[in-house]
């Protein structure tokens, strides 16, 4: 199974030598990481990409990225509820 995380390209750094990888700075929420763009050579600043282990593996539309961000927020909220309940996987007791 592959877990890819969406991020927005904020800068592109073209390689100096022909064999150098094409790199980008990608923003994931508040964090920025350097990512290889070799598998998506058409990617540009402002595009959203799915990143797996430091490599952009596909480009996705802003709407798709927003949907994924919404799912991730739901997962975080669920995790917080489970932590408050004290037992993972069990819903909190009604007040």
Foldseek 3Di string as FASTA:
>chain_A
DFAWAKWFFAAWDQDPDPPDFTWTWTDDPPDTDIATAPQPVVDDGGWMFTDTPRYGNGTDDPVVNVVVVVVVVVVVVLVVQCVVQVHPPDGRDDD
